[in-house]
N, C-alpha and C. Protein backbone atom coordinates (compact mmCIF):
# COMPACT_ATOMS: atom_id res chain seq x y z
N MET A 1 -23.88 -9.06 58.73
CA MET A 1 -23.93 -9.79 57.50
C MET A 1 -24.43 -8.90 56.37
N SER A 2 -25.55 -8.20 56.59
CA SER A 2 -26.09 -7.33 55.54
C SER A 2 -25.14 -6.17 55.26
N ALA A 3 -24.36 -5.75 56.28
CA ALA A 3 -23.38 -4.70 56.06
C ALA A 3 -22.28 -5.20 55.11
N GLU A 4 -21.89 -6.45 55.26
CA GLU A 4 -20.88 -7.03 54.37
C GLU A 4 -21.41 -7.09 52.93
N ILE A 5 -22.66 -7.46 52.78
CA ILE A 5 -23.28 -7.52 51.46
C ILE A 5 -23.34 -6.12 50.86
N ALA A 6 -23.73 -5.16 51.67
CA ALA A 6 -23.81 -3.78 51.19
C ALA A 6 -22.43 -3.26 50.81
N ASN A 7 -21.42 -3.60 51.55
CA ASN A 7 -20.06 -3.17 51.25
C ASN A 7 -19.53 -3.84 49.97
N ALA A 8 -19.97 -5.08 49.71
CA ALA A 8 -19.51 -5.81 48.54
C ALA A 8 -20.28 -5.43 47.28
N LEU A 9 -21.37 -4.71 47.44
CA LEU A 9 -22.22 -4.37 46.29
C LEU A 9 -21.47 -3.62 45.19
N PRO A 10 -20.65 -2.62 45.50
CA PRO A 10 -19.92 -1.95 44.41
C PRO A 10 -19.01 -2.92 43.64
N GLU A 11 -18.39 -3.86 44.34
CA GLU A 11 -17.55 -4.84 43.67
C GLU A 11 -18.38 -5.76 42.76
N VAL A 12 -19.55 -6.13 43.24
CA VAL A 12 -20.44 -6.98 42.44
C VAL A 12 -20.88 -6.24 41.19
N VAL A 13 -21.24 -4.97 41.35
CA VAL A 13 -21.67 -4.17 40.20
C VAL A 13 -20.51 -4.03 39.21
N GLU A 14 -19.32 -3.79 39.71
CA GLU A 14 -18.15 -3.67 38.84
C GLU A 14 -17.89 -4.98 38.09
N LEU A 15 -18.00 -6.08 38.78
CA LEU A 15 -17.82 -7.38 38.13
C LEU A 15 -18.88 -7.64 37.07
N GLN A 16 -20.11 -7.24 37.38
CA GLN A 16 -21.18 -7.41 36.40
C GLN A 16 -20.90 -6.59 35.14
N LEU A 17 -20.41 -5.36 35.33
CA LEU A 17 -20.06 -4.53 34.18
C LEU A 17 -18.93 -5.16 33.36
N ARG A 18 -17.95 -5.73 34.04
CA ARG A 18 -16.86 -6.38 33.33
C ARG A 18 -17.35 -7.60 32.55
N VAL A 19 -18.28 -8.32 33.15
CA VAL A 19 -18.85 -9.48 32.46
C VAL A 19 -19.60 -9.03 31.20
N VAL A 20 -20.38 -7.96 31.32
CA VAL A 20 -21.11 -7.43 30.17
C VAL A 20 -20.14 -6.98 29.09
N GLU A 21 -19.06 -6.30 29.48
CA GLU A 21 -18.06 -5.86 28.52
C GLU A 21 -17.40 -7.06 27.82
N ARG A 22 -17.09 -8.07 28.60
CA ARG A 22 -16.48 -9.28 28.02
C ARG A 22 -17.45 -9.95 27.05
N GLU A 23 -18.70 -10.03 27.44
CA GLU A 23 -19.70 -10.65 26.57
C GLU A 23 -19.79 -9.89 25.25
N GLU A 24 -19.75 -8.56 25.32
CA GLU A 24 -19.79 -7.74 24.10
C GLU A 24 -18.54 -8.00 23.26
N GLY A 25 -17.40 -8.08 23.91
CA GLY A 25 -16.16 -8.37 23.19
C GLY A 25 -16.22 -9.73 22.51
N VAL A 26 -16.74 -10.71 23.20
CA VAL A 26 -16.88 -12.05 22.63
C VAL A 26 -17.85 -12.01 21.45
N ARG A 27 -18.94 -11.29 21.60
CA ARG A 27 -19.93 -11.18 20.52
C ARG A 27 -19.28 -10.57 19.27
N GLN A 28 -18.49 -9.52 19.48
CA GLN A 28 -17.81 -8.88 18.35
C GLN A 28 -16.79 -9.83 17.70
N LEU A 29 -16.08 -10.58 18.53
CA LEU A 29 -15.12 -11.56 17.99
C LEU A 29 -15.83 -12.64 17.20
N VAL A 30 -16.99 -13.08 17.69
CA VAL A 30 -17.76 -14.09 16.96
C VAL A 30 -18.17 -13.54 15.60
N GLN A 31 -18.64 -12.31 15.56
CA GLN A 31 -19.05 -11.70 14.29
C GLN A 31 -17.86 -11.58 13.33
N ARG A 32 -16.73 -11.12 13.84
CA ARG A 32 -15.54 -11.00 13.00
C ARG A 32 -15.09 -12.37 12.50
N SER A 33 -15.12 -13.36 13.38
CA SER A 33 -14.72 -14.71 13.00
C SER A 33 -15.64 -15.26 11.90
N LEU A 34 -16.93 -15.01 12.04
CA LEU A 34 -17.87 -15.47 11.02
C LEU A 34 -17.60 -14.80 9.67
N ARG A 35 -17.28 -13.51 9.69
CA ARG A 35 -16.96 -12.81 8.43
C ARG A 35 -15.69 -13.39 7.81
N VAL A 36 -14.68 -13.62 8.65
CA VAL A 36 -13.41 -14.18 8.14
C VAL A 36 -13.64 -15.59 7.59
N LEU A 37 -14.38 -16.41 8.33
CA LEU A 37 -14.66 -17.77 7.85
C LEU A 37 -15.47 -17.75 6.56
N GLY A 38 -16.41 -16.83 6.46
CA GLY A 38 -17.19 -16.70 5.23
C GLY A 38 -16.31 -16.33 4.06
N ALA A 39 -15.41 -15.38 4.28
CA ALA A 39 -14.49 -14.98 3.21
C ALA A 39 -13.57 -16.14 2.84
N TRP A 40 -13.06 -16.84 3.84
CA TRP A 40 -12.18 -17.98 3.59
C TRP A 40 -12.92 -19.07 2.81
N TYR A 41 -14.16 -19.35 3.21
CA TYR A 41 -14.96 -20.36 2.53
C TYR A 41 -15.16 -19.95 1.07
N GLY A 42 -15.45 -18.68 0.84
CA GLY A 42 -15.61 -18.20 -0.53
C GLY A 42 -14.34 -18.35 -1.34
N PHE A 43 -13.21 -18.06 -0.73
CA PHE A 43 -11.92 -18.21 -1.40
C PHE A 43 -11.66 -19.67 -1.75
N VAL A 44 -11.88 -20.55 -0.77
CA VAL A 44 -11.62 -21.98 -0.99
C VAL A 44 -12.56 -22.52 -2.07
N GLU A 45 -13.83 -22.15 -2.01
CA GLU A 45 -14.78 -22.60 -3.03
C GLU A 45 -14.36 -22.10 -4.41
N GLY A 46 -13.94 -20.86 -4.49
CA GLY A 46 -13.48 -20.32 -5.77
C GLY A 46 -12.25 -21.06 -6.27
N PHE A 47 -11.33 -21.33 -5.37
CA PHE A 47 -10.12 -22.06 -5.74
C PHE A 47 -10.46 -23.47 -6.19
N ASN A 48 -11.36 -24.13 -5.46
CA ASN A 48 -11.76 -25.48 -5.85
C ASN A 48 -12.40 -25.49 -7.23
N GLY A 49 -13.21 -24.48 -7.51
CA GLY A 49 -13.82 -24.37 -8.83
C GLY A 49 -12.78 -24.18 -9.91
N CYS A 50 -11.77 -23.39 -9.61
CA CYS A 50 -10.68 -23.14 -10.55
C CYS A 50 -9.91 -24.43 -10.81
N VAL A 51 -9.59 -25.16 -9.76
CA VAL A 51 -8.86 -26.42 -9.91
C VAL A 51 -9.69 -27.42 -10.71
N ALA A 52 -10.98 -27.48 -10.46
CA ALA A 52 -11.85 -28.38 -11.21
C ALA A 52 -11.84 -28.01 -12.69
N GLU A 53 -11.87 -26.72 -12.99
CA GLU A 53 -11.82 -26.28 -14.38
C GLU A 53 -10.49 -26.67 -15.02
N TRP A 54 -9.39 -26.45 -14.30
CA TRP A 54 -8.07 -26.84 -14.83
C TRP A 54 -8.03 -28.34 -15.09
N ASP A 55 -8.59 -29.11 -14.16
CA ASP A 55 -8.61 -30.56 -14.29
C ASP A 55 -9.38 -30.96 -15.55
N ASP A 56 -10.53 -30.34 -15.78
CA ASP A 56 -11.31 -30.62 -16.99
C ASP A 56 -10.53 -30.26 -18.25
N ARG A 57 -9.90 -29.10 -18.25
CA ARG A 57 -9.12 -28.69 -19.41
C ARG A 57 -7.96 -29.64 -19.66
N LEU A 58 -7.28 -30.04 -18.59
CA LEU A 58 -6.16 -30.97 -18.72
C LEU A 58 -6.64 -32.30 -19.29
N ARG A 59 -7.76 -32.78 -18.80
CA ARG A 59 -8.32 -34.03 -19.31
C ARG A 59 -8.63 -33.92 -20.80
N GLU A 60 -9.20 -32.79 -21.22
CA GLU A 60 -9.50 -32.57 -22.64
C GLU A 60 -8.21 -32.57 -23.48
N VAL A 61 -7.18 -31.91 -22.99
CA VAL A 61 -5.90 -31.86 -23.71
C VAL A 61 -5.28 -33.26 -23.78
N GLU A 62 -5.31 -33.99 -22.67
CA GLU A 62 -4.77 -35.35 -22.66
C GLU A 62 -5.51 -36.22 -23.67
N THR A 63 -6.83 -36.12 -23.72
CA THR A 63 -7.64 -36.88 -24.67
C THR A 63 -7.25 -36.50 -26.10
N TRP A 64 -7.10 -35.22 -26.35
CA TRP A 64 -6.73 -34.74 -27.69
C TRP A 64 -5.36 -35.28 -28.08
N ILE A 65 -4.39 -35.26 -27.16
CA ILE A 65 -3.04 -35.75 -27.43
C ILE A 65 -3.07 -37.26 -27.71
N ILE A 66 -3.80 -38.00 -26.91
CA ILE A 66 -3.89 -39.45 -27.11
C ILE A 66 -4.47 -39.76 -28.49
N ARG A 67 -5.52 -39.05 -28.89
CA ARG A 67 -6.12 -39.26 -30.21
C ARG A 67 -5.12 -38.96 -31.32
N ARG A 68 -4.42 -37.84 -31.19
CA ARG A 68 -3.45 -37.46 -32.23
C ARG A 68 -2.31 -38.48 -32.31
N GLU A 69 -1.84 -38.95 -31.17
CA GLU A 69 -0.78 -39.95 -31.18
C GLU A 69 -1.27 -41.24 -31.83
N ARG A 70 -2.49 -41.65 -31.51
CA ARG A 70 -3.06 -42.85 -32.11
C ARG A 70 -3.18 -42.67 -33.63
N GLU A 71 -3.69 -41.51 -34.05
CA GLU A 71 -3.83 -41.23 -35.49
C GLU A 71 -2.46 -41.27 -36.19
N ARG A 72 -1.45 -40.70 -35.54
CA ARG A 72 -0.11 -40.68 -36.12
C ARG A 72 0.45 -42.10 -36.23
N ARG A 73 0.27 -42.91 -35.20
CA ARG A 73 0.74 -44.29 -35.24
C ARG A 73 0.02 -45.08 -36.34
N GLU A 74 -1.30 -44.86 -36.44
CA GLU A 74 -2.07 -45.56 -37.48
C GLU A 74 -1.61 -45.12 -38.87
N ALA A 75 -1.32 -43.83 -39.04
CA ALA A 75 -0.86 -43.33 -40.34
C ALA A 75 0.52 -43.90 -40.67
N GLU A 76 1.37 -44.09 -39.68
CA GLU A 76 2.71 -44.61 -39.89
C GLU A 76 2.66 -46.10 -40.24
N GLU A 77 1.65 -46.81 -39.76
CA GLU A 77 1.52 -48.24 -40.02
C GLU A 77 1.16 -48.51 -41.48
N TYR A 78 0.46 -47.60 -42.11
CA TYR A 78 0.02 -47.82 -43.51
C TYR A 78 1.02 -47.35 -44.48
């Protein structure tokens, strides 16, 4: 029995090394994923801010147009 364990030891050590390598690979992938997600989040937040600004500008222009149209209609009535 102990001879079988001793014979299997190199395989166990090799498997342990592979597990450590995989863990390192997973750790690196997690770090890369976090960087990509951070960049994506920054992009989306920037885009959302841009859209909000456009929305505000559009609302201001619509308000200005409505006022001018009302003024024109009132001027035409007199």
